[in-house]
PDB file of N, CA and C in Angstrom:
ATOM      1  N   MET A   1    -208.680 -98.963-136.402  1.00  0.00           N
ATOM      2  CA  MET A   1    -209.528 -99.377-135.414  1.00  0.00           C
ATOM      3  C   MET A   1    -210.050 -98.750-134.671  1.00  0.00           C
ATOM      4  N   TYR A   2    -211.438 -99.089-133.905  1.00  0.00           N
ATOM      5  CA  TYR A   2    -212.407 -97.966-133.269  1.00  0.00           C
ATOM      6  C   TYR A   2    -211.992 -98.239-131.684  1.00  0.00           C
ATOM      7  N   ALA A   3    -211.795 -97.423-131.274  1.00  0.00           N
ATOM      8  CA  ALA A   3    -211.518 -97.251-129.939  1.00  0.00           C
ATOM      9  C   ALA A   3    -212.722 -96.994-128.697  1.00  0.00           C
ATOM     10  N   ILE A   4    -213.473 -97.383-128.193  1.00  0.00           N
ATOM     11  CA  ILE A   4    -213.891 -97.034-127.363  1.00  0.00           C
ATOM     12  C   ILE A   4    -213.655 -97.051-125.991  1.00  0.00           C
ATOM     13  N   VAL A   5    -213.737 -95.805-125.509  1.00  0.00           N
ATOM     14  CA  VAL A   5    -213.368 -95.313-124.157  1.00  0.00           C
ATOM     15  C   VAL A   5    -214.723 -96.065-123.175  1.00  0.00           C
ATOM     16  N   LEU A   6    -213.935 -96.729-122.247  1.00  0.00           N
ATOM     17  CA  LEU A   6    -215.269 -97.141-121.158  1.00  0.00           C
ATOM     18  C   LEU A   6    -215.603 -96.222-120.204  1.00  0.00           C
ATOM     19  N   PRO A   7    -216.725 -95.503-119.962  1.00  0.00           N
ATOM     20  CA  PRO A   7    -217.132 -94.810-118.965  1.00  0.00           C
ATOM     21  C   PRO A   7    -216.980 -95.898-118.106  1.00  0.00           C
ATOM     22  N   GLU A   8    -217.524 -94.497-116.582  1.00  0.00           N
ATOM     23  CA  GLU A   8    -216.922 -95.049-115.016  1.00  0.00           C
ATOM     24  C   GLU A   8    -218.105 -95.593-114.710  1.00  0.00           C
ATOM     25  N   THR A   9    -219.039 -95.226-115.568  1.00  0.00           N
ATOM     26  CA  THR A   9    -220.637 -96.665-115.144  1.00  0.00           C
ATOM     27  C   THR A   9    -221.193 -97.366-116.632  1.00  0.00           C
ATOM     28  N   ILE A  10    -220.773 -98.520-116.436  1.00  0.00           N
ATOM     29  CA  ILE A  10    -222.196 -98.768-116.833  1.00  0.00           C
ATOM     30  C   ILE A  10    -223.621 -99.794-116.659  1.00  0.00           C
ATOM     31  N   LYS A  11    -224.832 -99.515-117.387  1.00  0.00           N
ATOM     32  CA  LYS A  11    -226.013-100.371-116.888  1.00  0.00           C
ATOM     33  C   LYS A  11    -226.392-101.709-117.748  1.00  0.00           C
ATOM     34  N   VAL A  12    -226.140-102.699-116.817  1.00  0.00           N
ATOM     35  CA  VAL A  12    -227.089-103.884-116.750  1.00  0.00           C
ATOM     36  C   VAL A  12    -228.175-104.206-116.478  1.00  0.00           C
ATOM     37  N   GLY A  13    -229.491-104.271-117.753  1.00  0.00           N
ATOM     38  CA  GLY A  13    -230.700-104.800-116.742  1.00  0.00           C
ATOM     39  C   GLY A  13    -230.950-103.016-115.879  1.00  0.00           C
ATOM     40  N   GLY A  14    -230.525-102.315-116.367  1.00  0.00           N
ATOM     41  CA  GLY A  14    -231.125-101.071-115.997  1.00  0.00           C
ATOM     42  C   GLY A  14    -229.816-100.890-114.324  1.00  0.00           C
ATOM     43  N   PHE A  15    -229.053-101.558-113.478  1.00  0.00           N
ATOM     44  CA  PHE A  15    -228.460-101.463-112.389  1.00  0.00           C
ATOM     45  C   PHE A  15    -227.296-101.088-112.951  1.00  0.00           C
ATOM     46  N   ASP A  16    -226.296 -99.808-112.265  1.00  0.00           N
ATOM     47  CA  ASP A  16    -225.301 -99.493-112.482  1.00  0.00           C
ATOM     48  C   ASP A  16    -223.907-100.120-112.211  1.00  0.00           C
ATOM     49  N   TYR A  17    -223.407-100.223-113.311  1.00  0.00           N
ATOM     50  CA  TYR A  17    -222.101-101.200-112.732  1.00  0.00           C
ATOM     51  C   TYR A  17    -220.640-100.238-112.484  1.00  0.00           C
ATOM     52  N   PRO A  18    -220.329 -99.736-111.741  1.00  0.00           N
ATOM     53  CA  PRO A  18    -219.194 -99.054-112.118  1.00  0.00           C
ATOM     54  C   PRO A  18    -217.994 -99.642-112.583  1.00  0.00           C
ATOM     55  N   ILE A  19    -217.101 -99.378-113.089  1.00  0.00           N
ATOM     56  CA  ILE A  19    -216.462 -99.610-113.949  1.00  0.00           C
ATOM     57  C   ILE A  19    -214.715 -99.309-113.254  1.00  0.00           C
ATOM     58  N   LEU A  20    -213.717 -99.803-112.274  1.00  0.00           N
ATOM     59  CA  LEU A  20    -212.984 -99.878-111.134  1.00  0.00           C
ATOM     60  C   LEU A  20    -212.051-100.596-111.927  1.00  0.00           C
ATOM     61  N   ILE A  21    -211.145 -99.419-112.393  1.00  0.00           N
ATOM     62  CA  ILE A  21    -209.626 -99.800-112.886  1.00  0.00           C
ATOM     63  C   ILE A  21    -208.485 -98.446-111.745  1.00  0.00           C
ATOM     64  N   ASN A  22    -208.030 -99.235-111.596  1.00  0.00           N
ATOM     65  CA  ASN A  22    -206.702 -98.417-110.637  1.00  0.00           C
ATOM     66  C   ASN A  22    -205.870 -98.801-110.116  1.00  0.00           C
ATOM     67  N   ASP A  23    -204.763 -98.569-109.475  1.00  0.00           N
ATOM     68  CA  ASP A  23    -203.797 -99.077-108.999  1.00  0.00           C
ATOM     69  C   ASP A  23    -204.297 -99.679-107.777  1.00  0.00           C
ATOM     70  N   GLU A  24    -205.209 -99.594-107.059  1.00  0.00           N
ATOM     71  CA  GLU A  24    -205.811-100.515-105.659  1.00  0.00           C
ATOM     72  C   GLU A  24    -206.098-101.655-106.256  1.00  0.00           C
ATOM     73  N   VAL A  25    -207.360-101.472-107.186  1.00  0.00           N
ATOM     74  CA  VAL A  25    -207.719-102.569-107.889  1.00  0.00           C
ATOM     75  C   VAL A  25    -206.027-103.596-108.295  1.00  0.00           C
ATOM     76  N   ASP A  26    -205.599-102.900-109.159  1.00  0.00           N
ATOM     77  CA  ASP A  26    -204.457-104.194-109.954  1.00  0.00           C
ATOM     78  C   ASP A  26    -203.959-104.504-108.698  1.00  0.00           C
ATOM     79  N   ARG A  27    -203.799-104.148-107.724  1.00  0.00           N
ATOM     80  CA  ARG A  27    -202.851-104.828-106.611  1.00  0.00           C
ATOM     81  C   ARG A  27    -203.639-106.145-106.089  1.00  0.00           C
ATOM     82  N   ALA A  28    -205.013-105.808-106.046  1.00  0.00           N
ATOM     83  CA  ALA A  28    -205.908-106.733-105.309  1.00  0.00           C
ATOM     84  C   ALA A  28    -206.370-107.733-106.881  1.00  0.00           C
ATOM     85  N   LEU A  29    -205.942-107.418-107.883  1.00  0.00           N
ATOM     86  CA  LEU A  29    -206.421-108.782-108.696  1.00  0.00           C
ATOM     87  C   LEU A  29    -204.975-109.145-108.904  1.00  0.00           C
ATOM     88  N   GLU A  30    -204.008-108.753-109.328  1.00  0.00           N
ATOM     89  CA  GLU A  30    -203.012-109.163-109.200  1.00  0.00           C
ATOM     90  C   GLU A  30    -202.511-110.295-108.112  1.00  0.00           C
ATOM     91  N   ASP A  31    -203.054-109.862-106.879  1.00  0.00           N
ATOM     92  CA  ASP A  31    -202.761-110.732-105.895  1.00  0.00           C
ATOM     93  C   ASP A  31    -203.810-112.012-106.146  1.00  0.00           C
ATOM     94  N   ASN A  32    -204.907-111.873-106.186  1.00  0.00           N
ATOM     95  CA  ASN A  32    -205.356-113.432-106.801  1.00  0.00           C
ATOM     96  C   ASN A  32    -204.847-113.993-108.438  1.00  0.00           C
ATOM     97  N   ARG A  33    -204.082-113.355-109.110  1.00  0.00           N
ATOM     98  CA  ARG A  33    -203.142-113.434-110.556  1.00  0.00           C
ATOM     99  C   ARG A  33    -205.146-113.390-111.757  1.00  0.00           C
ATOM    100  N   TRP A  34    -205.835-112.607-111.252  1.00  0.00           N
ATOM    101  CA  TRP A  34    -206.915-112.510-112.036  1.00  0.00           C
ATOM    102  C   TRP A  34    -206.631-110.887-112.518  1.00  0.00           C
ATOM    103  N   ARG A  35    -207.378-110.928-114.206  1.00  0.00           N
ATOM    104  CA  ARG A  35    -207.503-109.806-115.168  1.00  0.00           C
ATOM    105  C   ARG A  35    -208.351-109.407-114.950  1.00  0.00           C
ATOM    106  N   GLY A  36    -209.813-109.393-114.146  1.00  0.00           N
ATOM    107  CA  GLY A  36    -211.082-108.632-113.884  1.00  0.00           C
ATOM    108  C   GLY A  36    -211.586-109.765-112.701  1.00  0.00           C
ATOM    109  N   GLU A  37    -212.311-108.590-112.663  1.00  0.00           N
ATOM    110  CA  GLU A  37    -213.123-109.438-111.296  1.00  0.00           C
ATOM    111  C   GLU A  37    -215.157-108.808-111.400  1.00  0.00           C
ATOM    112  N   HIS A  38    -215.942-109.725-111.451  1.00  0.00           N
ATOM    113  CA  HIS A  38    -217.293-109.102-111.749  1.00  0.00           C
ATOM    114  C   HIS A  38    -217.878-109.073-109.971  1.00  0.00           C
ATOM    115  N   SER A  39    -218.730-108.660-109.534  1.00  0.00           N
ATOM    116  CA  SER A  39    -219.592-109.031-108.192  1.00  0.00           C
ATOM    117  C   SER A  39    -220.774-108.953-108.324  1.00  0.00           C
ATOM    118  N   ASP A  40    -221.244-109.703-108.237  1.00  0.00           N
ATOM    119  CA  ASP A  40    -223.171-110.171-108.132  1.00  0.00           C
ATOM    120  C   ASP A  40    -223.361-109.681-106.799  1.00  0.00           C
ATOM    121  N   LEU A  41    -223.040-109.453-105.669  1.00  0.00           N
ATOM    122  CA  LEU A  41    -223.450-108.625-104.502  1.00  0.00           C
ATOM    123  C   LEU A  41    -223.379-107.214-104.589  1.00  0.00           C
ATOM    124  N   TRP A  42    -222.374-106.712-105.244  1.00  0.00           N
ATOM    125  CA  TRP A  42    -221.875-105.200-104.919  1.00  0.00           C
ATOM    126  C   TRP A  42    -222.114-104.706-105.978  1.00  0.00           C
ATOM    127  N   ARG A  43    -222.487-105.365-107.519  1.00  0.00           N
ATOM    128  CA  ARG A  43    -222.059-104.768-108.782  1.00  0.00           C
ATOM    129  C   ARG A  43    -221.419-103.778-108.749  1.00  0.00           C
ATOM    130  N   TYR A  44    -219.947-104.332-109.588  1.00  0.00           N
ATOM    131  CA  TYR A  44    -219.540-103.618-110.164  1.00  0.00           C
ATOM    132  C   TYR A  44    -218.087-104.352-111.076  1.00  0.00           C
ATOM    133  N   ILE A  45    -217.863-104.062-111.887  1.00  0.00           N
ATOM    134  CA  ILE A  45    -216.795-104.758-112.236  1.00  0.00           C
ATOM    135  C   ILE A  45    -215.330-103.558-112.219  1.00  0.00           C
ATOM    136  N   LYS A  46    -214.328-105.083-111.974  1.00  0.00           N
ATOM    137  CA  LYS A  46    -212.643-104.288-111.890  1.00  0.00           C
ATOM    138  C   LYS A  46    -212.042-104.955-113.277  1.00  0.00           C
ATOM    139  N   ILE A  47    -210.850-104.313-113.553  1.00  0.00           N
ATOM    140  CA  ILE A  47    -210.017-104.676-114.810  1.00  0.00           C
ATOM    141  C   ILE A  47    -208.762-104.268-114.202  1.00  0.00           C
ATOM    142  N   LEU A  48    -208.160-105.295-114.877  1.00  0.00           N
ATOM    143  CA  LEU A  48    -206.710-104.617-114.305  1.00  0.00           C
ATOM    144  C   LEU A  48    -206.330-103.907-115.441  1.00  0.00           C
ATOM    145  N   SER A  49    -205.237-102.881-114.696  1.00  0.00           N
ATOM    146  CA  SER A  49    -205.163-101.668-115.753  1.00  0.00           C
ATOM    147  C   SER A  49    -203.729-101.948-116.288  1.00  0.00           C
ATOM    148  N   ARG A  50    -203.164-102.630-116.472  1.00  0.00           N
ATOM    149  CA  ARG A  50    -201.952-102.932-116.765  1.00  0.00           C
ATOM    150  C   ARG A  50    -201.769-103.856-117.603  1.00  0.00           C
ATOM    151  N   LEU A  51    -202.810-104.726-118.375  1.00  0.00           N
ATOM    152  CA  LEU A  51    -203.072-105.289-119.453  1.00  0.00           C
ATOM    153  C   LEU A  51    -202.751-105.134-120.918  1.00  0.00           C
ATOM    154  N   ASP A  52    -202.465-105.709-121.884  1.00  0.00           N
ATOM    155  CA  ASP A  52    -202.281-104.599-123.225  1.00  0.00           C
ATOM    156  C   ASP A  52    -203.758-104.948-124.048  1.00  0.00           C
ATOM    157  N   PRO A  53    -203.591-103.494-124.865  1.00  0.00           N
ATOM    158  CA  PRO A  53    -205.337-103.204-125.303  1.00  0.00           C
ATOM    159  C   PRO A  53    -206.004-104.285-126.136  1.00  0.00           C
ATOM    160  N   GLN A  54    -205.600-105.646-125.952  1.00  0.00           N
ATOM    161  CA  GLN A  54    -206.649-106.905-126.329  1.00  0.00           C
ATOM    162  C   GLN A  54    -207.190-107.533-125.102  1.00  0.00           C
ATOM    163  N   SER A  55    -206.004-107.301-124.867  1.00  0.00           N
ATOM    164  CA  SER A  55    -206.426-108.398-123.334  1.00  0.00           C
ATOM    165  C   SER A  55    -207.730-107.665-122.593  1.00  0.00           C
ATOM    166  N   PHE A  56    -206.908-106.305-121.773  1.00  0.00           N
ATOM    167  CA  PHE A  56    -207.971-105.492-121.701  1.00  0.00           C
ATOM    168  C   PHE A  56    -209.589-105.316-122.266  1.00  0.00           C
ATOM    169  N   SER A  57    -209.548-105.042-123.497  1.00  0.00           N
ATOM    170  CA  SER A  57    -211.151-105.680-124.320  1.00  0.00           C
ATOM    171  C   SER A  57    -211.362-106.910-124.263  1.00  0.00           C
ATOM    172  N   ALA A  58    -210.928-107.883-124.100  1.00  0.00           N
ATOM    173  CA  ALA A  58    -211.302-109.339-123.781  1.00  0.00           C
ATOM    174  C   ALA A  58    -211.805-109.339-122.608  1.00  0.00           C
ATOM    175  N   THR A  59    -210.894-108.818-121.476  1.00  0.00           N
ATOM    176  CA  THR A  59    -211.463-108.909-119.818  1.00  0.00           C
ATOM    177  C   THR A  59    -212.344-108.102-120.165  1.00  0.00           C
ATOM    178  N   PHE A  60    -213.114-107.064-120.347  1.00  0.00           N
ATOM    179  CA  PHE A  60    -214.050-105.969-119.762  1.00  0.00           C
ATOM    180  C   PHE A  60    -215.684-107.066-120.936  1.00  0.00           C
ATOM    181  N   ILE A  61    -215.077-107.464-122.255  1.00  0.00           N
ATOM    182  CA  ILE A  61    -216.222-108.278-122.146  1.00  0.00           C
ATOM    183  C   ILE A  61    -216.510-109.681-121.129  1.00  0.00           C
ATOM    184  N   HIS A  62    -215.227-110.163-120.926  1.00  0.00           N
ATOM    185  CA  HIS A  62    -216.220-111.300-120.205  1.00  0.00           C
ATOM    186  C   HIS A  62    -216.727-110.690-118.535  1.00  0.00           C
ATOM    187  N   GLU A  63    -216.164-109.670-118.389  1.00  0.00           N
ATOM    188  CA  GLU A  63    -216.929-109.249-117.001  1.00  0.00           C
ATOM    189  C   GLU A  63    -218.022-108.780-116.833  1.00  0.00           C
ATOM    190  N   VAL A  64    -218.444-108.302-118.385  1.00  0.00           N
ATOM    191  CA  VAL A  64    -219.842-107.634-118.808  1.00  0.00           C
ATOM    192  C   VAL A  64    -220.748-108.825-119.116  1.00  0.00           C
ATOM    193  N   LEU A  65    -220.322-110.056-119.608  1.00  0.00           N
ATOM    194  CA  LEU A  65    -220.836-111.250-119.819  1.00  0.00           C
ATOM    195  C   LEU A  65    -221.296-111.683-118.140  1.00  0.00           C
ATOM    196  N   HIS A  66    -220.193-111.536-116.957  1.00  0.00           N
ATOM    197  CA  HIS A  66    -220.855-112.262-115.988  1.00  0.00           C
ATOM    198  C   HIS A  66    -221.884-111.475-115.388  1.00  0.00           C
ATOM    199  N   ALA A  67    -221.768-110.227-115.312  1.00  0.00           N
ATOM    200  CA  ALA A  67    -223.339-108.935-115.160  1.00  0.00           C
ATOM    201  C   ALA A  67    -224.500-109.622-116.008  1.00  0.00           C
ATOM    202  N   ILE A  68    -224.501-109.648-116.697  1.00  0.00           N
ATOM    203  CA  ILE A  68    -225.760-109.952-117.759  1.00  0.00           C
ATOM    204  C   ILE A  68    -225.762-111.551-117.506  1.00  0.00           C
ATOM    205  N   ASN A  69    -225.323-112.186-117.196  1.00  0.00           N
ATOM    206  CA  ASN A  69    -225.454-113.837-116.535  1.00  0.00           C
ATOM    207  C   ASN A  69    -226.167-113.479-115.209  1.00  0.00           C
ATOM    208  N   SER A  70    -225.529-112.336-114.363  1.00  0.00           N
ATOM    209  CA  SER A  70    -226.012-112.005-112.777  1.00  0.00           C
ATOM    210  C   SER A  70    -227.681-111.827-112.976  1.00  0.00           C
ATOM    211  N   VAL A  71    -227.853-110.393-114.069  1.00  0.00           N
ATOM    212  CA  VAL A  71    -228.888-110.232-114.088  1.00  0.00           C
ATOM    213  C   VAL A  71    -229.767-111.032-114.987  1.00  0.00           C
ATOM    214  N   TYR A  72    -229.655-111.207-116.039  1.00  0.00           N
ATOM    215  CA  TYR A  72    -230.655-112.196-116.477  1.00  0.00           C
ATOM    216  C   TYR A  72    -231.022-113.397-116.882  1.00  0.00           C
ATOM    217  N   LEU A  73    -229.721-114.269-116.096  1.00  0.00           N
ATOM    218  CA  LEU A  73    -229.660-115.340-116.204  1.00  0.00           C
ATOM    219  C   LEU A  73    -229.443-116.137-115.144  1.00  0.00           C
ATOM    220  N   ASP A  74    -229.637-115.876-114.002  1.00  0.00           N
ATOM    221  CA  ASP A  74    -229.348-116.441-112.258  1.00  0.00           C
ATOM    222  C   ASP A  74    -228.263-116.827-112.286  1.00  0.00           C
ATOM    223  N   LEU A  75    -226.991-116.631-112.931  1.00  0.00           N
ATOM    224  CA  LEU A  75    -226.259-117.167-112.664  1.00  0.00           C
ATOM    225  C   LEU A  75    -226.274-118.684-113.488  1.00  0.00           C
ATOM    226  N   ASP A  76    -226.510-118.878-114.158  1.00  0.00           N
ATOM    227  CA  ASP A  76    -226.715-120.139-114.861  1.00  0.00           C
ATOM    228  C   ASP A  76    -226.050-119.987-115.784  1.00  0.00           C
ATOM    229  N   LEU A  77    -225.293-119.228-116.276  1.00  0.00           N
ATOM    230  CA  LEU A  77    -223.638-119.725-116.990  1.00  0.00           C
ATOM    231  C   LEU A  77    -222.846-120.041-116.254  1.00  0.00           C
ATOM    232  N   LYS A  78    -221.624-121.321-117.014  1.00  0.00           N
ATOM    233  CA  LYS A  78    -220.583-121.555-115.993  1.00  0.00           C
ATOM    234  C   LYS A  78    -219.470-120.606-116.342  1.00  0.00           C
ATOM    235  N   GLU A  79    -218.451-120.806-115.673  1.00  0.00           N
ATOM    236  CA  GLU A  79    -217.146-120.187-116.300  1.00  0.00           C
ATOM    237  C   GLU A  79    -216.522-120.243-117.184  1.00  0.00           C
ATOM    238  N   TYR A  80    -216.441-121.502-118.390  1.00  0.00           N
ATOM    239  CA  TYR A  80    -215.897-122.386-119.404  1.00  0.00           C
ATOM    240  C   TYR A  80    -216.863-121.422-120.028  1.00  0.00           C
ATOM    241  N   GLN A  81    -218.344-121.675-119.735  1.00  0.00           N
ATOM    242  CA  GLN A  81    -219.094-121.066-120.881  1.00  0.00           C
ATOM    243  C   GLN A  81    -219.279-119.470-121.307  1.00  0.00           C
ATOM    244  N   ILE A  82    -218.840-118.482-120.014  1.00  0.00           N
ATOM    245  CA  ILE A  82    -218.479-117.065-119.930  1.00  0.00           C
ATOM    246  C   ILE A  82    -217.360-116.824-121.155  1.00  0.00           C
ATOM    247  N   ALA A  83    -216.474-117.981-120.956  1.00  0.00           N
ATOM    248  CA  ALA A  83    -214.951-117.682-121.482  1.00  0.00           C
ATOM    249  C   ALA A  83    -215.466-117.760-122.764  1.00  0.00           C
ATOM    250  N   ALA A  84    -216.122-119.330-123.262  1.00  0.00           N
ATOM    251  CA  ALA A  84    -216.052-119.489-124.638  1.00  0.00           C
ATOM    252  C   ALA A  84    -217.001-118.213-125.803  1.00  0.00           C
ATOM    253  N   ILE A  85    -217.934-117.373-124.648  1.00  0.00           N
ATOM    254  CA  ILE A  85    -218.688-116.667-125.427  1.00  0.00           C
ATOM    255  C   ILE A  85    -218.037-115.292-125.157  1.00  0.00           C
ATOM    256  N   SER A  86    -217.577-115.216-124.297  1.00  0.00           N
ATOM    257  CA  SER A  86    -216.663-114.167-124.682  1.00  0.00           C
ATOM    258  C   SER A  86    -215.223-113.796-125.410  1.00  0.00           C
ATOM    259  N   ASN A  87    -214.609-114.833-125.830  1.00  0.00           N
ATOM    260  CA  ASN A  87    -213.611-115.103-126.543  1.00  0.00           C
ATOM    261  C   ASN A  87    -214.383-115.068-127.820  1.00  0.00           C
ATOM    262  N   GLY A  88    -215.431-115.771-128.102  1.00  0.00           N
ATOM    263  CA  GLY A  88    -215.914-115.416-129.172  1.00  0.00           C
ATOM    264  C   GLY A  88    -216.604-114.200-129.800  1.00  0.00           C
ATOM    265  N   PHE A  89    -217.143-113.172-128.772  1.00  0.00           N
ATOM    266  CA  PHE A  89    -217.275-112.118-129.169  1.00  0.00           C
ATOM    267  C   PHE A  89    -216.053-111.638-129.533  1.00  0.00           C
ATOM    268  N   HIS A  90    -215.423-111.056-128.738  1.00  0.00           N
ATOM    269  CA  HIS A  90    -214.081-110.272-128.641  1.00  0.00           C
ATOM    270  C   HIS A  90    -213.380-110.392-130.240  1.00  0.00           C
ATOM    271  N   GLN A  91    -213.139-111.954-130.251  1.00  0.00           N
ATOM    272  CA  GLN A  91    -212.778-112.269-131.898  1.00  0.00           C
ATOM    273  C   GLN A  91    -213.731-111.233-133.069  1.00  0.00           C
ATOM    274  N   VAL A  92    -214.922-111.477-132.717  1.00  0.00           N
ATOM    275  CA  VAL A  92    -215.449-110.995-133.639  1.00  0.00           C
ATOM    276  C   VAL A  92    -215.282-109.392-134.288  1.00  0.00           C
ATOM    277  N   LEU A  93    -215.009-108.496-132.945  1.00  0.00           N
ATOM    278  CA  LEU A  93    -215.143-107.107-132.688  1.00  0.00           C
ATOM    279  C   LEU A  93    -213.662-106.873-133.143  1.00  0.00           C
ATOM    280  N   GLU A  94    -212.796-107.410-132.736  1.00  0.00           N
ATOM    281  CA  GLU A  94    -211.624-107.286-133.074  1.00  0.00           C
ATOM    282  C   GLU A  94    -211.549-107.483-134.925  1.00  0.00           C
ATOM    283  N   GLN A  95    -212.088-108.320-135.171  1.00  0.00           N
ATOM    284  CA  GLN A  95    -212.116-108.382-136.681  1.00  0.00           C
ATOM    285  C   GLN A  95    -212.791-107.351-137.643  1.00  0.00           C
ATOM    286  N   LEU A  96    -213.396-106.731-136.380  1.00  0.00           N
ATOM    287  CA  LEU A  96    -214.761-105.613-137.296  1.00  0.00           C
ATOM    288  C   LEU A  96    -214.144-104.166-137.028  1.00  0.00           C
ATOM    289  N   GLY A  97    -212.494-104.078-136.241  1.00  0.00           N
ATOM    290  CA  GLY A  97    -211.989-103.299-135.635  1.00  0.00           C
ATOM    291  C   GLY A  97    -212.787-102.066-134.457  1.00  0.00           C
ATOM    292  N   VAL A  98    -213.312-103.237-133.816  1.00  0.00           N
ATOM    293  CA  VAL A  98    -213.918-102.551-132.325  1.00  0.00           C
ATOM    294  C   VAL A  98    -212.886-103.135-131.527  1.00  0.00           C
ATOM    295  N   ARG A  99    -212.664-101.934-130.330  1.00  0.00           N
ATOM    296  CA  ARG A  99    -211.592-102.680-129.369  1.00  0.00           C
ATOM    297  C   ARG A  99    -212.107-101.593-128.077  1.00  0.00           C
ATOM    298  N   PHE A 100    -212.117-102.092-126.672  1.00  0.00           N
ATOM    299  CA  PHE A 100    -212.939-101.014-125.987  1.00  0.00           C
ATOM    300  C   PHE A 100    -211.385-100.830-125.034  1.00  0.00           C
ATOM    301  N   ILE A 101    -211.200 -99.488-124.928  1.00  0.00           N
ATOM    302  CA  ILE A 101    -210.004 -99.192-124.025  1.00  0.00           C
ATOM    303  C   ILE A 101    -209.942 -98.477-122.730  1.00  0.00           C
ATOM    304  N   LYS A 102    -209.063 -98.473-121.640  1.00  0.00           N
ATOM    305  CA  LYS A 102    -209.567 -97.934-120.575  1.00  0.00           C
ATOM    306  C   LYS A 102    -209.332 -96.409-120.650  1.00  0.00           C
ATOM    307  N   ARG A 103    -210.053 -95.420-119.761  1.00  0.00           N
ATOM    308  CA  ARG A 103    -210.336 -94.328-119.686  1.00  0.00           C
ATOM    309  C   ARG A 103    -208.541 -93.663-118.985  1.00  0.00           C
ATOM    310  N   LYS A 104    -208.908 -92.372-119.287  1.00  0.00           N
ATOM    311  CA  LYS A 104    -207.772 -91.394-118.311  1.00  0.00           C
ATOM    312  C   LYS A 104    -208.368 -91.690-116.930  1.00  0.00           C
ATOM    313  N   VAL A 105    -207.849 -92.165-115.805  1.00  0.00           N
ATOM    314  CA  VAL A 105    -207.331 -92.052-114.098  1.00  0.00           C
ATOM    315  C   VAL A 105    -208.385 -91.246-113.723  1.00  0.00           C
ATOM    316  N   ASN A 106    -208.227 -89.804-114.446  1.00  0.00           N
ATOM    317  CA  ASN A 106    -208.604 -88.752-113.562  1.00  0.00           C
ATOM    318  C   ASN A 106    -209.657 -87.692-114.279  1.00  0.00           C
ATOM    319  N   SER A 107    -210.258 -88.211-115.574  1.00  0.00           N
ATOM    320  CA  SER A 107    -210.745 -87.857-116.748  1.00  0.00           C
ATOM    321  C   SER A 107    -211.945 -87.667-116.386  1.00  0.00           C
ATOM    322  N   ARG A 108    -212.549 -87.092-116.818  1.00  0.00           N
ATOM    323  CA  ARG A 108    -214.118 -87.101-116.724  1.00  0.00           C
ATOM    324  C   ARG A 108    -214.613 -86.846-118.170  1.00  0.00           C
ATOM    325  N   THR A 109    -213.862 -86.739-119.581  1.00  0.00           N
ATOM    326  CA  THR A 109    -214.356 -86.809-120.129  1.00  0.00           C
ATOM    327  C   THR A 109    -214.232 -87.834-121.245  1.00  0.00           C
ATOM    328  N   ILE A 110    -215.404 -88.319-121.268  1.00  0.00           N
ATOM    329  CA  ILE A 110    -215.448 -90.112-122.178  1.00  0.00           C
ATOM    330  C   ILE A 110    -215.827 -89.735-123.726  1.00  0.00           C
ATOM    331  N   THR A 111    -215.016 -90.356-124.326  1.00  0.00           N
ATOM    332  CA  THR A 111    -214.700 -90.477-125.843  1.00  0.00           C
ATOM    333  C   THR A 111    -215.781 -91.671-126.179  1.00  0.00           C
ATOM    334  N   VAL A 112    -216.720 -91.352-127.224  1.00  0.00           N
ATOM    335  CA  VAL A 112    -217.340 -92.423-127.439  1.00  0.00           C
ATOM    336  C   VAL A 112    -217.043 -93.373-128.380  1.00  0.00           C
ATOM    337  N   LEU A 113    -216.669 -92.624-129.620  1.00  0.00           N
ATOM    338  CA  LEU A 113    -215.472 -93.673-130.677  1.00  0.00           C
ATOM    339  C   LEU A 113    -214.514 -92.465-130.785  1.00  0.00           C
ATOM    340  N   SER A 114    -212.958 -93.120-131.009  1.00  0.00           N
ATOM    341  CA  SER A 114    -212.101 -92.489-131.340  1.00  0.00           C
ATOM    342  C   SER A 114    -211.466 -93.386-132.538  1.00  0.00           C
ATOM    343  N   LYS A 115    -211.185 -92.631-133.647  1.00  0.00           N
ATOM    344  CA  LYS A 115    -210.959 -93.844-134.754  1.00  0.00           C
ATOM    345  C   LYS A 115    -209.789 -93.746-134.565  1.00  0.00           C
ATOM    346  N   LYS A 116    -208.688 -94.663-134.795  1.00  0.00           N
ATOM    347  CA  LYS A 116    -206.870 -95.253-134.717  1.00  0.00           C
ATOM    348  C   LYS A 116    -206.215 -94.477-133.688  1.00  0.00           C
ATOM    349  N   SER A 117    -207.399 -94.275-132.254  1.00  0.00           N
ATOM    350  CA  SER A 117    -207.018 -93.721-131.345  1.00  0.00           C
ATOM    351  C   SER A 117    -206.769 -94.150-129.814  1.00  0.00           C
ATOM    352  N   TYR A 118    -205.823 -94.495-128.849  1.00  0.00           N
ATOM    353  CA  TYR A 118    -205.939 -94.904-127.781  1.00  0.00           C
ATOM    354  C   TYR A 118    -206.331 -93.741-126.435  1.00  0.00           C
ATOM    355  N   VAL A 119    -205.898 -92.713-126.833  1.00  0.00           N
ATOM    356  CA  VAL A 119    -205.644 -91.793-125.899  1.00  0.00           C
ATOM    357  C   VAL A 119    -207.084 -90.955-126.287  1.00  0.00           C
ATOM    358  N   ASN A 120    -207.559 -90.226-125.175  1.00  0.00           N
ATOM    359  CA  ASN A 120    -208.765 -89.077-125.543  1.00  0.00           C
ATOM    360  C   ASN A 120    -207.769 -87.786-125.412  1.00  0.00           C
TER     361      ASN A 120
END
C-alpha cells in the first residue's frame, strides 16, 4: 500500500484549501454526524480524524470532489453524484494500493509517498 500523507493545504483551481484535522474539527463534525465537510465560501476541507484508514481516504476524496465541483462546475453536481464518483474513485485507488492518510497533528514534515507505512 502506498500511503500519501495529506499536506496542510492543497490547491484546487489555484485556490488554497487548508485540510483541517484536529480535535475541534472532530467535535463539530461528530455533532452533525458528518465524516467530512467542504466549505465553498471559506474554501477549506475538514476531515474527522478518528476514521479508520479506508474511511479517512474515502472522505478526503469525497471532499476534494466537492471542492472541484465548487471551483470548476459551479456546484452543478448533486450530493449523490459526488458520492457515486468518490466511491468509485476510492475503489480504484484502493485496488491500485493507494491510500490518503492523515498527517501528524504537529508535524511540519510531509511525506509524499511512504510504502506500507501509516506513520511519518
